[in-house]
Amino acid sequence: MPELSPPTVRVHRSFVAAMAEFRAEGRGSSGDDTMIGAELREFGSRWAVPEDFAAYVDWLRSQALEDSPRPDGYVPSTSLWWIQDDDYLGRLAIRHRLTPHLREAGGHIGYDVRPSARRRGHATAMLRAALPVAHGLGIESALLTCDVDNVASRKVIEANGGVFEDQRGGMLRFWVPTA
């Protein structure tokens, strides 16, 4: 049964394969401002080397700490991976607080499921498992956003109790209780 886990080197091979799937669907280009896109550009060329992957895992875990270095405008975030045995299925990031930009697009929680694992309920289960973690970080109600045409993501958010607030530009905004 899949479970949330802090990033781990145990799923190295499967993680690299998942990132290749994301690349094959066009992720990682200069116009891709998602978590996956940014990390593919910054770290992707080094993930195949076990020591470099371990350093990436350590960096990702450190981003939950308040005093860790991060780009201007970024906030502490807890990354969790959805794994089953040694298989990487997806991930999410819980941003500990909102900036004005995250309030518009991005929200508290962002998630991705690898292409070969989609349409099996992983995103819904992963978000459900992450809500108590968000609550433990002091987030009473989590803001989640999705593109207006992303029906699958909207269904994931609504299945987890998301209450539609509004549409801003091409983004739908929902509040999801964490307790």
C-alpha atoms as a PDB file:
ATOM      1  CA  MET A   1       0.000   0.000   0.000  1.00  0.00           C
ATOM      2  CA  PRO A   2       1.457   3.414  -0.901  1.00  0.00           C
ATOM      3  CA  GLU A   3       2.441   5.802   1.873  1.00  0.00           C
ATOM      4  CA  LEU A   4       3.825   9.285   2.352  1.00  0.00           C
ATOM      5  CA  SER A   5       7.510   9.349   3.153  1.00  0.00           C
ATOM      6  CA  PRO A   6      10.151  11.997   3.551  1.00  0.00           C
ATOM      7  CA  PRO A   7      12.352  11.996   0.436  1.00  0.00           C
ATOM      8  CA  THR A   8      14.594   8.928   0.505  1.00  0.00           C
ATOM      9  CA  VAL A   9      17.465   7.506  -1.537  1.00  0.00           C
ATOM     10  CA  ARG A  10      15.731   4.111  -1.361  1.00  0.00           C
ATOM     11  CA  VAL A  11      13.616   4.989  -4.423  1.00  0.00           C
ATOM     12  CA  HIS A  12      16.509   6.397  -6.477  1.00  0.00           C
ATOM     13  CA  ARG A  13      16.063   4.232  -9.581  1.00  0.00           C
ATOM     14  CA  SER A  14      12.291   4.664  -9.662  1.00  0.00           C
ATOM     15  CA  PHE A  15      12.547   8.431  -9.056  1.00  0.00           C
ATOM     16  CA  VAL A  16      14.923   8.871 -12.008  1.00  0.00           C
ATOM     17  CA  ALA A  17      12.534   6.854 -14.209  1.00  0.00           C
ATOM     18  CA  ALA A  18       9.600   9.008 -13.052  1.00  0.00           C
ATOM     19  CA  MET A  19      11.475  12.204 -13.890  1.00  0.00           C
ATOM     20  CA  ALA A  20      12.153  10.808 -17.373  1.00  0.00           C
ATOM     21  CA  GLU A  21       8.383  10.325 -17.738  1.00  0.00           C
ATOM     22  CA  PHE A  22       7.786  13.959 -16.753  1.00  0.00           C
ATOM     23  CA  ARG A  23      10.430  15.111 -19.256  1.00  0.00           C
ATOM     24  CA  ALA A  24       8.781  13.014 -21.981  1.00  0.00           C
ATOM     25  CA  GLU A  25       5.529  14.916 -21.452  1.00  0.00           C
ATOM     26  CA  GLY A  26       7.357  18.238 -21.827  1.00  0.00           C
ATOM     27  CA  ARG A  27       8.126  19.136 -18.230  1.00  0.00           C
ATOM     28  CA  GLY A  28      11.334  20.962 -17.363  1.00  0.00           C
ATOM     29  CA  SER A  29      11.301  23.525 -20.170  1.00  0.00           C
ATOM     30  CA  SER A  30      12.155  27.131 -19.376  1.00  0.00           C
ATOM     31  CA  GLY A  31       8.449  27.975 -19.320  1.00  0.00           C
ATOM     32  CA  ASP A  32       7.578  25.257 -16.794  1.00  0.00           C
ATOM     33  CA  ASP A  33       7.357  27.069 -13.457  1.00  0.00           C
ATOM     34  CA  THR A  34       6.154  24.023 -11.495  1.00  0.00           C
ATOM     35  CA  MET A  35       8.172  22.337  -8.728  1.00  0.00           C
ATOM     36  CA  ILE A  36       9.001  19.465 -11.065  1.00  0.00           C
ATOM     37  CA  GLY A  37      10.002  21.826 -13.866  1.00  0.00           C
ATOM     38  CA  ALA A  38      12.349  23.875 -11.702  1.00  0.00           C
ATOM     39  CA  GLU A  39      13.988  20.807 -10.178  1.00  0.00           C
ATOM     40  CA  LEU A  40      14.397  19.085 -13.535  1.00  0.00           C
ATOM     41  CA  ARG A  41      16.306  22.142 -14.757  1.00  0.00           C
ATOM     42  CA  GLU A  42      18.413  22.555 -11.621  1.00  0.00           C
ATOM     43  CA  PHE A  43      19.125  18.970 -10.551  1.00  0.00           C
ATOM     44  CA  GLY A  44      18.021  16.674 -13.380  1.00  0.00           C
ATOM     45  CA  SER A  45      21.419  16.266 -14.991  1.00  0.00           C
ATOM     46  CA  ARG A  46      22.879  14.990 -11.700  1.00  0.00           C
ATOM     47  CA  TRP A  47      20.162  12.643 -10.395  1.00  0.00           C
ATOM     48  CA  ALA A  48      21.651   9.539 -12.056  1.00  0.00           C
ATOM     49  CA  VAL A  49      24.757   9.746  -9.839  1.00  0.00           C
ATOM     50  CA  PRO A  50      23.889   8.162  -6.452  1.00  0.00           C
ATOM     51  CA  GLU A  51      25.956  10.643  -4.414  1.00  0.00           C
ATOM     52  CA  ASP A  52      24.392  13.606  -6.224  1.00  0.00           C
ATOM     53  CA  PHE A  53      20.911  12.153  -5.740  1.00  0.00           C
ATOM     54  CA  ALA A  54      21.631  11.749  -2.005  1.00  0.00           C
ATOM     55  CA  ALA A  55      22.694  15.410  -1.868  1.00  0.00           C
ATOM     56  CA  TYR A  56      19.440  16.386  -3.617  1.00  0.00           C
ATOM     57  CA  VAL A  57      17.414  14.360  -1.087  1.00  0.00           C
ATOM     58  CA  ASP A  58      19.259  16.105   1.774  1.00  0.00           C
ATOM     59  CA  TRP A  59      18.631  19.515   0.176  1.00  0.00           C
ATOM     60  CA  LEU A  60      14.940  18.755  -0.317  1.00  0.00           C
ATOM     61  CA  ARG A  61      14.552  17.671   3.315  1.00  0.00           C
ATOM     62  CA  SER A  62      16.358  20.813   4.491  1.00  0.00           C
ATOM     63  CA  GLN A  63      13.807  23.049   2.781  1.00  0.00           C
ATOM     64  CA  ALA A  64      11.403  22.389   5.680  1.00  0.00           C
ATOM     65  CA  LEU A  65      13.741  24.265   8.032  1.00  0.00           C
ATOM     66  CA  GLU A  66      13.091  27.955   8.551  1.00  0.00           C
ATOM     67  CA  ASP A  67      16.753  28.988   8.269  1.00  0.00           C
ATOM     68  CA  SER A  68      17.665  26.950   5.171  1.00  0.00           C
ATOM     69  CA  PRO A  69      18.857  29.004   2.202  1.00  0.00           C
ATOM     70  CA  ARG A  70      16.251  29.431  -0.521  1.00  0.00           C
ATOM     71  CA  PRO A  71      15.538  31.918  -3.305  1.00  0.00           C
ATOM     72  CA  ASP A  72      13.858  35.208  -2.448  1.00  0.00           C
ATOM     73  CA  GLY A  73      10.109  34.827  -2.211  1.00  0.00           C
ATOM     74  CA  TYR A  74      10.262  31.129  -1.306  1.00  0.00           C
ATOM     75  CA  VAL A  75       8.985  29.874   2.048  1.00  0.00           C
ATOM     76  CA  PRO A  76       9.847  26.766   4.048  1.00  0.00           C
ATOM     77  CA  SER A  77       8.156  23.707   2.593  1.00  0.00           C
ATOM     78  CA  THR A  78       7.869  20.084   3.636  1.00  0.00           C
ATOM     79  CA  SER A  79       8.266  17.671   0.720  1.00  0.00           C
ATOM     80  CA  LEU A  80       6.762  14.227   0.980  1.00  0.00           C
ATOM     81  CA  TRP A  81       6.974  11.411  -1.543  1.00  0.00           C
ATOM     82  CA  TRP A  82       4.216   8.912  -2.275  1.00  0.00           C
ATOM     83  CA  ILE A  83       5.967   5.572  -2.462  1.00  0.00           C
ATOM     84  CA  GLN A  84       5.178   1.886  -2.450  1.00  0.00           C
ATOM     85  CA  ASP A  85       8.075  -0.352  -1.498  1.00  0.00           C
ATOM     86  CA  ASP A  86      10.898   1.004  -3.707  1.00  0.00           C
ATOM     87  CA  ASP A  87       8.577   2.639  -6.246  1.00  0.00           C
ATOM     88  CA  TYR A  88       8.240   6.415  -6.460  1.00  0.00           C
ATOM     89  CA  LEU A  89       4.661   7.288  -7.442  1.00  0.00           C
ATOM     90  CA  GLY A  90       4.428  10.998  -6.773  1.00  0.00           C
ATOM     91  CA  ARG A  91       5.131  13.843  -4.431  1.00  0.00           C
ATOM     92  CA  LEU A  92       3.724  16.869  -2.761  1.00  0.00           C
ATOM     93  CA  ALA A  93       5.053  19.947  -1.073  1.00  0.00           C
ATOM     94  CA  ILE A  94       3.385  21.660   1.856  1.00  0.00           C
ATOM     95  CA  ARG A  95       4.334  25.326   1.952  1.00  0.00           C
ATOM     96  CA  HIS A  96       4.348  26.446   5.565  1.00  0.00           C
ATOM     97  CA  ARG A  97       2.872  29.885   4.830  1.00  0.00           C
ATOM     98  CA  LEU A  98       1.525  31.903   1.943  1.00  0.00           C
ATOM     99  CA  THR A  99       3.198  34.760   0.127  1.00  0.00           C
ATOM    100  CA  PRO A 100       1.099  37.134  -1.994  1.00  0.00           C
ATOM    101  CA  HIS A 101       2.110  35.096  -5.067  1.00  0.00           C
ATOM    102  CA  LEU A 102       1.199  31.739  -3.457  1.00  0.00           C
ATOM    103  CA  ARG A 103      -2.152  33.209  -2.390  1.00  0.00           C
ATOM    104  CA  GLU A 104      -2.944  33.834  -6.063  1.00  0.00           C
ATOM    105  CA  ALA A 105      -1.499  30.674  -7.603  1.00  0.00           C
ATOM    106  CA  GLY A 106       0.215  27.786  -5.887  1.00  0.00           C
ATOM    107  CA  GLY A 107      -1.380  27.726  -2.462  1.00  0.00           C
ATOM    108  CA  HIS A 108      -0.190  25.723   0.515  1.00  0.00           C
ATOM    109  CA  ILE A 109       0.040  22.350  -1.211  1.00  0.00           C
ATOM    110  CA  GLY A 110       1.211  21.329  -4.661  1.00  0.00           C
ATOM    111  CA  TYR A 111       1.381  17.759  -5.904  1.00  0.00           C
ATOM    112  CA  ASP A 112       2.373  15.642  -8.894  1.00  0.00           C
ATOM    113  CA  VAL A 113       1.805  11.985  -9.757  1.00  0.00           C
ATOM    114  CA  ARG A 114       4.170  10.353 -12.224  1.00  0.00           C
ATOM    115  CA  PRO A 115       2.495   9.833 -15.607  1.00  0.00           C
ATOM    116  CA  SER A 116       2.538   6.008 -15.472  1.00  0.00           C
ATOM    117  CA  ALA A 117       0.770   6.028 -12.060  1.00  0.00           C
ATOM    118  CA  ARG A 118      -2.056   8.448 -12.891  1.00  0.00           C
ATOM    119  CA  ARG A 119      -5.784   7.690 -12.857  1.00  0.00           C
ATOM    120  CA  ARG A 120      -5.464   5.234  -9.968  1.00  0.00           C
ATOM    121  CA  GLY A 121      -6.480   7.466  -7.051  1.00  0.00           C
ATOM    122  CA  HIS A 122      -2.940   8.241  -5.915  1.00  0.00           C
ATOM    123  CA  ALA A 123      -3.352  12.035  -5.914  1.00  0.00           C
ATOM    124  CA  THR A 124      -6.542  11.843  -3.845  1.00  0.00           C
ATOM    125  CA  ALA A 125      -4.981   9.448  -1.325  1.00  0.00           C
ATOM    126  CA  MET A 126      -1.715  11.407  -1.192  1.00  0.00           C
ATOM    127  CA  LEU A 127      -3.484  14.695  -0.467  1.00  0.00           C
ATOM    128  CA  ARG A 128      -5.709  13.025   2.140  1.00  0.00           C
ATOM    129  CA  ALA A 129      -2.621  11.641   3.910  1.00  0.00           C
ATOM    130  CA  ALA A 130      -0.904  15.044   3.812  1.00  0.00           C
ATOM    131  CA  LEU A 131      -3.711  17.089   5.379  1.00  0.00           C
ATOM    132  CA  PRO A 132      -2.883  16.017   8.971  1.00  0.00           C
ATOM    133  CA  VAL A 133       0.754  16.927   8.300  1.00  0.00           C
ATOM    134  CA  ALA A 134      -0.360  20.384   7.178  1.00  0.00           C
ATOM    135  CA  HIS A 135      -2.486  20.668  10.315  1.00  0.00           C
ATOM    136  CA  GLY A 136       0.579  19.787  12.397  1.00  0.00           C
ATOM    137  CA  LEU A 137       2.386  22.697  10.739  1.00  0.00           C
ATOM    138  CA  GLY A 138      -0.329  25.060  11.987  1.00  0.00           C
ATOM    139  CA  ILE A 139      -2.309  25.268   8.748  1.00  0.00           C
ATOM    140  CA  GLU A 140      -5.995  25.139   9.732  1.00  0.00           C
ATOM    141  CA  SER A 141      -7.327  25.355   6.191  1.00  0.00           C
ATOM    142  CA  ALA A 142      -5.040  24.785   3.211  1.00  0.00           C
ATOM    143  CA  LEU A 143      -5.309  26.792   0.024  1.00  0.00           C
ATOM    144  CA  LEU A 144      -5.034  24.627  -3.085  1.00  0.00           C
ATOM    145  CA  THR A 145      -5.141  25.905  -6.630  1.00  0.00           C
ATOM    146  CA  CYS A 146      -5.424  24.274 -10.020  1.00  0.00           C
ATOM    147  CA  ASP A 147      -5.642  25.378 -13.605  1.00  0.00           C
ATOM    148  CA  VAL A 148      -9.226  26.038 -14.652  1.00  0.00           C
ATOM    149  CA  ASP A 149      -9.040  23.236 -17.238  1.00  0.00           C
ATOM    150  CA  ASN A 150      -7.440  20.654 -14.899  1.00  0.00           C
ATOM    151  CA  VAL A 151     -10.559  18.601 -14.158  1.00  0.00           C
ATOM    152  CA  ALA A 152      -8.594  15.755 -12.539  1.00  0.00           C
ATOM    153  CA  SER A 153      -6.936  18.058 -10.009  1.00  0.00           C
ATOM    154  CA  ARG A 154     -10.221  19.778  -9.235  1.00  0.00           C
ATOM    155  CA  LYS A 155     -11.783  16.379  -8.473  1.00  0.00           C
ATOM    156  CA  VAL A 156      -8.849  15.506  -6.177  1.00  0.00           C
ATOM    157  CA  ILE A 157      -9.284  18.753  -4.241  1.00  0.00           C
ATOM    158  CA  GLU A 158     -13.063  18.395  -3.987  1.00  0.00           C
ATOM    159  CA  ALA A 159     -12.766  14.734  -2.906  1.00  0.00           C
ATOM    160  CA  ASN A 160     -10.690  15.997   0.028  1.00  0.00           C
ATOM    161  CA  GLY A 161     -13.304  18.520   1.134  1.00  0.00           C
ATOM    162  CA  GLY A 162     -12.126  21.465  -0.940  1.00  0.00           C
ATOM    163  CA  VAL A 163     -14.510  24.404  -0.940  1.00  0.00           C
ATOM    164  CA  PHE A 164     -14.352  26.581  -4.042  1.00  0.00           C
ATOM    165  CA  GLU A 165     -13.553  30.213  -3.273  1.00  0.00           C
ATOM    166  CA  ASP A 166     -13.025  31.871  -6.641  1.00  0.00           C
ATOM    167  CA  GLN A 167     -11.268  31.946  -9.989  1.00  0.00           C
ATOM    168  CA  ARG A 168      -8.356  34.300 -10.525  1.00  0.00           C
ATOM    169  CA  GLY A 169      -7.060  34.397 -14.043  1.00  0.00           C
ATOM    170  CA  GLY A 170      -6.739  30.817 -15.183  1.00  0.00           C
ATOM    171  CA  MET A 171      -6.597  29.427 -11.633  1.00  0.00           C
ATOM    172  CA  LEU A 172      -9.333  27.978  -9.440  1.00  0.00           C
ATOM    173  CA  ARG A 173      -8.836  28.471  -5.692  1.00  0.00           C
ATOM    174  CA  PHE A 174     -10.129  26.092  -2.998  1.00  0.00           C
ATOM    175  CA  TRP A 175      -9.825  25.907   0.792  1.00  0.00           C
ATOM    176  CA  VAL A 176      -9.429  22.418   2.253  1.00  0.00           C
ATOM    177  CA  PRO A 177      -9.832  21.763   5.994  1.00  0.00           C
ATOM    178  CA  THR A 178      -6.805  20.007   7.467  1.00  0.00           C
ATOM    179  CA  ALA A 179      -8.495  18.475  10.534  1.00  0.00           C
END
